Structure formats: structure tokens, C-alpha cells
Amino acid sequence: MTLRLGLGLPQLARYDPRRDVLEVARAAERTGFDSVWVFERTAFPLEPLDGLYRVPGLPWPGTCRYGPDPLVALSLAAAVTGRVRLGGGVLVGGPHAPFPFARTLATLDAASGGRVLAGLGTGWSPEEHRTSRVTEFGDRGARLEELLDVCAAVWGAGPIPVYLAATGGPALERVARRADGWLPGPLTGAQLAPLLGQLTEAAEGYGRTAALDVAMRVAVEPSGAPLPEAERRPYTGSPEQILGDLAGAAEAGAREILLDLQGCCRDGKELADRAAELYARIRAAGL
């Protein structure tokens, strides 16, 4: 099975949403990518209560400070493409009022010819939930369940596919119970395989026999020369090292990899060019 490839749209502060989102979306479709994706950050705390991703002491980078609204970015991409799927990776459920959110996604799906993929998660930032004033951080799991119920009611027959982010615990159980696909974090193949096994077993416990789709977003940072393996983060390093990581993820069960290159590029043109080069290398490697 050929690995599907998605591309993250440019949302960091260095990019110009008037130009770069459109340019990268067009280029992604022209190159052959299967999908384009957006992430969501709704607040940048000046005095964080937690580290980035709730890792103690890990600072929030300045790149989290600004960025276009993800649904606006997807709308821009929809307007200049006709084939690629339009995904959230990940849209945070808690800060959104359920009905307007469901209606907006339904409208975008209709306008794009049924290309929307709702990638949702509970979020990890207490500040984002506090800023939105929609829900409390401790209620985020229950609120995501409510959001999913409202979306199902608004969308009716032929619903938009729902992919849920999870790393374990109740969130992974929610994927098994009611998602069309799983959005894991940037895992290696060795990390992905046992979690996917747990997820498959849990889904079967709910009487779900069809295999769940797995789409994994990874931040890719190519380097000219190989990096020492002991010091290298997955999906960084030489093209050969990155290809090895991608092959391992595909072997472990990933069906789509969402490549995020925006952190290592200066503008939309460079992002589009580097994405095309990486796409060609991946396909040439037989993935």
C-alpha cells in the first residue's frame, strides 16, 4: 500500500497569509500530495502555567505567538485547489462553541466538494481554554464528546470523517469508540506499533472490525549531512535518515504522514520547493 502524504500549510509568523498559504496549497496539489493540513494555537501566554506540551521547563517558542486562523487557512486552500483533502491536525475542540464550529466545517466541506477531514483533539494548554471562556480545561474530554455529538447532528447523513488525536488513556479509548481515524504524535515505528495494537484491540471491543486510518503529523528538519543517531530526533537529519524514519512508521501501520516543513523554511516558495523535493525522494524510495 502506497503511503499517503500530506503537507502542513504555512501558519508561522514569518509567512504571509495573503500569499504563502495560497502558493503552498497550489504547489502541494501540483506536486501530488494527498492532503494539506493546519494546526491550531489560540493563545500565547506571557507567563505560562506549564511548559510547551505540558513538559516542565520547555519554553513556548515565539513561533506559537502568531498565525492565521486554521479554518480561514483551510478556506483559502480550498479556493485554489480541487483535489487535495483539507485536514485539521489538530483543531482544539474546547475553545470552540459546538454549533458554529460544526456549521463552519459543514459549509467548508460543501464548498470544497466534500474534501474536509475534521482532525480534533482536547488540547494540552490550560491558557487556551481559559482565554476562550468556552470551557474549563478539566472538562475538555467531556466537551470534545459534546462537540462530536453536535457535529454528528449537524452533518447528518454522509458525515465529515473525524480523526482524533490521542497518546493514550481515555483519549485513545475515545478514538477506538467513535473516530474514523487516529492522529498520533510524531512517533517512531517502534513507538507507534504497540499503541496501534492497543487501539485496534479496543476498537474490536466496541464491535468495530474495520481498520482505523492512521495519519501522523511530523515536523521534518532536513540537514545536509547525517546526524549522530544518539543525538538525533526522529524525522530530522539527512534525507536517508528521514526516509528510514518514514519507512519505519509506514511498516508499523501509519497510512498517511503529514509533513510539516514550515519550521525550516523562510517563505512559501522555499517551503513548496523543499516539499516537492522531499516528495520525490519518498516516492523514489518506494514509499
Protein backbone atom coordinates (compact mmCIF):
# COMPACT_ATOMS: atom_id res chain seq x y z
CA MET A 1 0.00 0.00 0.00
CA THR A 2 1.41 3.39 -1.02
CA LEU A 3 1.92 5.77 1.87
CA ARG A 4 -0.33 8.82 1.56
CA LEU A 5 1.44 12.14 2.02
CA GLY A 6 0.06 15.38 3.41
CA LEU A 7 1.69 18.80 3.74
CA GLY A 8 1.31 21.33 6.54
CA LEU A 9 0.21 24.76 5.33
CA PRO A 10 2.37 27.73 6.41
CA GLN A 11 0.98 29.32 9.59
CA LEU A 12 4.02 30.62 11.45
CA ALA A 13 4.63 34.35 11.87
CA ARG A 14 7.28 34.52 9.15
CA TYR A 15 4.75 33.58 6.45
CA ASP A 16 2.42 35.98 4.65
CA PRO A 17 -1.15 34.58 4.65
CA ARG A 18 -2.01 36.77 1.65
CA ARG A 19 0.46 34.86 -0.48
CA ASP A 20 2.11 31.85 1.13
CA VAL A 21 -0.95 29.79 2.10
CA LEU A 22 -2.25 30.03 -1.47
CA GLU A 23 1.12 29.30 -3.04
CA VAL A 24 1.82 26.25 -0.89
CA ALA A 25 -1.68 24.82 -1.33
CA ARG A 26 -1.42 25.09 -5.12
CA ALA A 27 2.06 23.61 -5.11
CA ALA A 28 1.03 20.72 -2.85
CA GLU A 29 -1.71 19.68 -5.25
CA ARG A 30 0.53 20.13 -8.28
CA THR A 31 3.30 18.03 -6.70
CA GLY A 32 0.96 15.16 -5.90
CA PHE A 33 0.33 15.49 -2.17
CA ASP A 34 -2.89 13.84 -0.99
CA SER A 35 -3.83 16.46 1.58
CA VAL A 36 -2.99 19.79 3.21
CA TRP A 37 -3.26 20.38 6.95
CA VAL A 38 -3.46 23.10 9.58
CA PHE A 39 -2.76 23.23 13.30
CA GLU A 40 -4.38 25.46 15.92
CA ARG A 41 -2.94 27.75 18.58
CA THR A 42 -5.45 30.13 20.14
CA ALA A 43 -3.33 31.83 22.82
CA PHE A 44 0.28 32.64 23.66
CA PRO A 45 0.77 33.02 27.43
CA LEU A 46 3.24 35.66 28.57
CA GLU A 47 3.63 33.78 31.87
CA PRO A 48 2.89 30.12 31.05
CA LEU A 49 1.45 27.89 33.73
CA ASP A 50 3.03 24.87 32.02
CA GLY A 51 5.83 24.24 29.59
CA LEU A 52 5.18 23.63 25.92
CA TYR A 53 3.08 20.46 25.52
CA ARG A 54 2.95 20.46 29.36
CA VAL A 55 6.60 19.44 29.52
CA PRO A 56 8.06 21.12 32.65
CA GLY A 57 10.60 23.80 31.77
CA LEU A 58 10.12 23.53 27.99
CA PRO A 59 9.64 27.14 26.79
CA TRP A 60 6.95 28.21 24.36
CA PRO A 61 8.70 29.29 21.14
CA GLY A 62 7.92 32.60 19.56
CA THR A 63 6.54 30.76 16.53
CA CYS A 64 3.44 29.96 18.62
CA ARG A 65 2.69 33.65 19.03
CA TYR A 66 1.06 34.44 15.69
CA GLY A 67 -0.65 32.58 12.91
CA PRO A 68 -3.77 32.70 10.76
CA ASP A 69 -6.98 31.09 11.96
CA PRO A 70 -6.82 27.44 10.83
CA LEU A 71 -10.29 27.39 9.28
CA VAL A 72 -9.56 30.56 7.33
CA ALA A 73 -6.33 28.98 6.09
CA LEU A 74 -8.20 25.85 5.00
CA SER A 75 -10.77 28.01 3.23
CA LEU A 76 -8.02 29.78 1.32
CA ALA A 77 -6.54 26.41 0.36
CA ALA A 78 -9.94 25.10 -0.73
CA ALA A 79 -10.40 28.07 -3.05
CA VAL A 80 -7.25 27.33 -5.08
CA THR A 81 -7.32 23.51 -5.13
CA GLY A 82 -9.71 20.87 -6.41
CA ARG A 83 -8.36 17.51 -5.27
CA VAL A 84 -6.37 17.54 -2.00
CA ARG A 85 -8.19 16.80 1.24
CA LEU A 86 -8.36 19.60 3.79
CA GLY A 87 -7.46 18.46 7.29
CA GLY A 88 -7.10 19.73 10.83
CA GLY A 89 -4.03 18.45 12.54
CA VAL A 90 -5.08 19.29 15.19
CA LEU A 91 -8.08 21.56 15.78
CA VAL A 92 -8.62 22.02 19.53
CA GLY A 93 -12.19 21.18 20.49
CA GLY A 94 -12.58 23.00 23.81
CA PRO A 95 -12.24 26.65 22.71
CA HIS A 96 -14.93 26.26 20.03
CA ALA A 97 -18.66 26.68 20.57
CA PRO A 98 -20.02 23.39 19.13
CA PHE A 99 -22.80 24.53 16.78
CA PRO A 100 -20.96 27.36 14.97
CA PHE A 101 -17.91 25.13 14.63
CA ALA A 102 -19.92 22.26 13.16
CA ARG A 103 -21.73 24.61 10.75
CA THR A 104 -18.46 26.20 9.58
CA LEU A 105 -16.90 22.81 8.82
CA ALA A 106 -20.06 21.68 7.03
CA THR A 107 -20.05 24.82 4.89
CA LEU A 108 -16.38 24.38 4.03
CA ASP A 109 -16.98 20.72 3.19
CA ALA A 110 -19.85 21.59 0.85
CA ALA A 111 -17.92 24.43 -0.79
CA SER A 112 -14.86 22.23 -1.36
CA GLY A 113 -16.74 19.28 -2.80
CA GLY A 114 -16.56 17.05 0.26
CA ARG A 115 -12.84 17.32 0.97
CA VAL A 116 -12.83 18.24 4.68
CA LEU A 117 -11.33 15.95 7.29
CA ALA A 118 -12.05 17.02 10.88
CA GLY A 119 -8.91 16.34 12.90
CA LEU A 120 -9.75 17.16 16.52
CA GLY A 121 -8.19 16.94 19.95
CA THR A 122 -8.73 18.03 23.54
CA GLY A 123 -5.70 20.33 23.58
CA TRP A 124 -2.98 20.47 26.21
CA SER A 125 -2.87 24.17 27.17
CA PRO A 126 -4.87 25.48 30.19
CA GLU A 127 -4.25 29.03 28.95
CA GLU A 128 -6.01 28.38 25.64
CA HIS A 129 -9.08 27.08 27.41
CA ARG A 130 -9.08 29.97 29.88
CA THR A 131 -8.75 32.55 27.10
CA SER A 132 -11.61 31.10 25.06
CA ARG A 133 -14.04 31.20 28.02
CA VAL A 134 -15.99 28.40 26.35
CA THR A 135 -14.97 25.51 28.59
CA GLU A 136 -12.73 24.73 31.52
CA PHE A 137 -9.51 22.82 30.95
CA GLY A 138 -10.55 20.00 33.27
CA ASP A 139 -13.74 19.47 31.26
CA ARG A 140 -12.02 19.20 27.90
CA GLY A 141 -12.68 15.48 27.40
CA ALA A 142 -16.41 15.82 28.07
CA ARG A 143 -16.60 18.92 25.89
CA LEU A 144 -14.96 17.13 22.99
CA GLU A 145 -17.57 14.39 23.33
CA GLU A 146 -20.27 17.07 23.21
CA LEU A 147 -18.67 18.67 20.16
CA LEU A 148 -18.63 15.30 18.37
CA ASP A 149 -22.32 14.78 19.21
CA VAL A 150 -23.24 18.21 17.86
CA CYS A 151 -21.20 17.69 14.69
CA ALA A 152 -22.93 14.36 14.04
CA ALA A 153 -26.33 16.01 14.47
CA VAL A 154 -25.49 18.99 12.23
CA TRP A 155 -23.80 16.99 9.49
CA GLY A 156 -26.41 14.24 9.25
CA ALA A 157 -26.01 11.57 6.57
CA GLY A 158 -22.64 11.31 4.87
CA PRO A 159 -20.74 12.97 7.71
CA ILE A 160 -17.31 14.51 7.51
CA PRO A 161 -14.63 11.99 8.59
CA VAL A 162 -13.44 12.56 12.16
CA TYR A 163 -9.87 11.84 13.19
CA LEU A 164 -8.93 12.24 16.84
CA ALA A 165 -5.57 12.98 18.41
CA ALA A 166 -4.50 10.79 21.33
CA THR A 167 -1.42 9.44 23.07
CA GLY A 168 -3.11 7.00 25.45
CA GLY A 169 -5.63 6.65 28.26
CA PRO A 170 -9.20 7.96 27.83
CA ALA A 171 -8.25 9.87 24.66
CA LEU A 172 -7.10 6.66 22.94
CA GLU A 173 -10.26 4.91 24.11
CA ARG A 174 -12.29 7.72 22.53
CA VAL A 175 -10.55 7.10 19.21
CA ALA A 176 -11.44 3.41 19.44
CA ARG A 177 -15.05 4.19 20.28
CA ARG A 178 -16.03 6.88 17.82
CA ALA A 179 -13.33 8.07 15.40
CA ASP A 180 -12.74 7.28 11.74
CA GLY A 181 -9.01 7.69 12.18
CA TRP A 182 -6.23 8.34 14.65
CA LEU A 183 -3.87 11.34 14.69
CA PRO A 184 -0.88 10.23 16.77
CA GLY A 185 2.03 12.50 17.62
CA PRO A 186 5.39 12.23 15.84
CA LEU A 187 6.19 8.64 16.84
CA THR A 188 8.82 6.28 15.55
CA GLY A 189 7.71 2.97 14.15
CA ALA A 190 8.75 1.21 17.36
CA GLN A 191 6.61 3.62 19.39
CA LEU A 192 3.66 3.53 17.03
CA ALA A 193 3.23 -0.25 16.71
CA PRO A 194 2.28 -1.10 20.32
CA LEU A 195 -0.10 1.85 20.63
CA LEU A 196 -1.80 0.89 17.37
CA GLY A 197 -2.13 -2.64 18.70
CA GLN A 198 -3.87 -1.32 21.83
CA LEU A 199 -6.13 0.87 19.73
CA THR A 200 -7.10 -1.97 17.40
CA GLU A 201 -7.91 -4.24 20.31
CA ALA A 202 -10.00 -1.55 21.98
CA ALA A 203 -11.90 -0.82 18.75
CA GLU A 204 -12.68 -4.51 18.32
CA GLY A 205 -14.06 -4.47 21.88
CA TYR A 206 -16.61 -1.94 20.66
CA GLY A 207 -17.55 -4.19 17.78
CA ARG A 208 -15.63 -2.17 15.22
CA THR A 209 -13.96 -4.50 12.76
CA ALA A 210 -12.88 -2.06 10.04
CA ALA A 211 -9.30 -0.89 10.43
CA LEU A 212 -8.92 2.68 11.67
CA ASP A 213 -6.93 5.02 9.47
CA VAL A 214 -3.70 6.38 10.94
CA ALA A 215 -2.42 9.83 9.89
CA MET A 216 0.66 11.07 11.73
CA ARG A 217 1.98 14.64 11.62
CA VAL A 218 5.75 15.03 11.86
CA ALA A 219 7.96 18.10 11.85
CA VAL A 220 10.65 17.38 9.27
CA GLU A 221 14.04 19.10 9.59
CA PRO A 222 16.41 18.03 6.79
CA SER A 223 20.15 18.50 7.17
CA GLY A 224 22.91 18.26 4.61
CA ALA A 225 24.85 15.58 6.45
CA PRO A 226 23.75 12.65 8.62
CA LEU A 227 23.28 13.42 12.31
CA PRO A 228 24.63 11.15 15.07
CA GLU A 229 21.90 8.67 15.88
CA ALA A 230 22.36 9.07 19.62
CA GLU A 231 21.58 12.79 19.36
CA ARG A 232 19.07 12.81 16.52
CA ARG A 233 15.36 13.42 16.94
CA PRO A 234 13.12 11.33 14.66
CA TYR A 235 12.39 12.85 11.24
CA THR A 236 15.47 15.04 11.31
CA GLY A 237 18.85 14.60 9.66
CA SER A 238 19.91 13.53 6.20
CA PRO A 239 17.36 12.50 3.56
CA GLU A 240 18.36 8.88 4.13
CA GLN A 241 17.73 9.15 7.87
CA ILE A 242 14.35 10.80 7.36
CA LEU A 243 13.36 8.19 4.77
CA GLY A 244 14.30 5.46 7.25
CA ASP A 245 12.03 7.00 9.87
CA LEU A 246 9.17 7.27 7.39
CA ALA A 247 9.62 3.65 6.30
CA GLY A 248 9.54 2.52 9.93
CA ALA A 249 6.31 4.44 10.59
CA ALA A 250 4.70 3.00 7.46
CA GLU A 251 5.71 -0.53 8.41
CA ALA A 252 4.23 -0.01 11.89
CA GLY A 253 0.85 0.97 10.46
CA ALA A 254 0.87 4.66 9.52
CA ARG A 255 -1.23 5.13 6.38
CA GLU A 256 -0.57 8.84 5.90
CA ILE A 257 2.27 11.09 7.00
CA LEU A 258 1.62 14.81 7.35
CA LEU A 259 4.91 16.52 6.59
CA ASP A 260 5.44 19.83 8.38
CA LEU A 261 8.38 21.72 6.87
CA GLN A 262 7.42 25.25 7.80
CA GLY A 263 9.84 25.45 10.72
CA CYS A 264 12.88 25.16 8.44
CA CYS A 265 11.78 27.41 5.56
CA ARG A 266 11.76 31.18 5.11
CA ASP A 267 8.76 31.68 2.86
CA GLY A 268 6.12 29.86 0.88
CA LYS A 269 8.26 29.38 -2.21
CA GLU A 270 11.04 27.70 -0.28
CA LEU A 271 8.52 25.53 1.56
CA ALA A 272 6.89 24.46 -1.72
CA ASP A 273 10.26 23.70 -3.33
CA ARG A 274 11.57 21.68 -0.39
CA ALA A 275 8.28 19.81 -0.09
CA ALA A 276 8.43 18.85 -3.77
CA GLU A 277 11.99 17.61 -3.38
CA LEU A 278 11.12 15.53 -0.31
CA TYR A 279 8.00 14.16 -2.02
CA ALA A 280 10.09 13.00 -4.97
CA ARG A 281 12.63 11.30 -2.67
CA ILE A 282 9.88 9.49 -0.74
CA ARG A 283 8.23 8.19 -3.89
CA ALA A 284 11.57 7.21 -5.41
CA ALA A 285 12.24 5.15 -2.26
CA GLY A 286 9.07 3.17 -2.93
CA LEU A 287 7.03 4.57 -0.07
